[in-house]
């Protein structure tokens, strides 16, 4: 009787073992993967070879599509939990897949999944790598402003736009200016032309006898301006006049500085600065064209800059109108998206 029981139990164990082996032979680890039908035989073999059971579970739970991870799965350093980052980076700013994997793996902690596309829409991989490896070199800022293209972006001690360059810069034309290659962001070009046309009412002269002396200033072009101001005014005072490279609003492509050309070719001196008809006209009318006087009088403490009656910044007609009507400083303005709210 005991022998029969032992044989029976042994038979059950053998049967269980056979069933277990058979089930394992037919077990499909990708059976629950929602995009399983999109996989070729070679894709399936590659996934099973490269990914652990936990990885495949993650792949399934996150519903990651084949095209989001298969291009990277065989690359050095591939991490499944970074694959959505790889995909976003690839579609935002194209580069070699291996370079993308290396970039994301190394610098992911410096950004968020939300800011990744913003950063790659405004900076090259090389610029980002330089910043994250070396910092800005001036203020010691660890924060890179992810989207400096916004109308509301302003200079700050807590963030830099480093070597950012707007993508839609266009040459100034039909506006009196010094130099041969002054640029401004495309959306500000036509409003500046209209402002100059309006300024002719001051004295009947082109642009009211005002000349653009500064528009877009690159990171590299800002370097000698900063050095000259530092030498002239000293460490404690130079920022009232100039900025470190990567902190000047001229680099954003929305800011313009005029000077007034007198008959003898000389600009107004410090005693008459701001008292000219041109300065008065800008203060009273710039908003009609979408501009504001960026550093107004008696606001030095708030803006951090001395009075600059001829430095204007484009903010869009809707924003400029509100700022003029309610006497709001740029630093205190709650900006609206001009493309959404309109420019009227």
Foldseek 3Di string as FASTA:
>chain_A
DVVVVVVVVVVVVVVVVVVVVVCVVVDQLCPLQPCVVVDDPVRSVLCPVQDDSVLSVVCRVVNDDCVQPVVPSPEPQDDSVCSNVLNLLCVLANDPSNVSSVLCVVCVVLDDSVLSSLQSNWDPSVQVVCCCVPNLPPLNASAEDSHLLALLDAFDSNYFVRQTADPQWDAADCAAEPDDGAIAHPVCRVLVNVCQVVCCVLPVDGSVQKYWYAAAAGLVRLCVVQVVLCVPPNDVQSQQPGDHRRRDCSNSRFKIFIFHQDPVRDTDDPVCPCVDSSLVCCCVPVLQSQKHQQADDPCCVPRVYHHRSRMIGGNANVQSVVCSVVVNHSVGDDHDDCVVPPRD
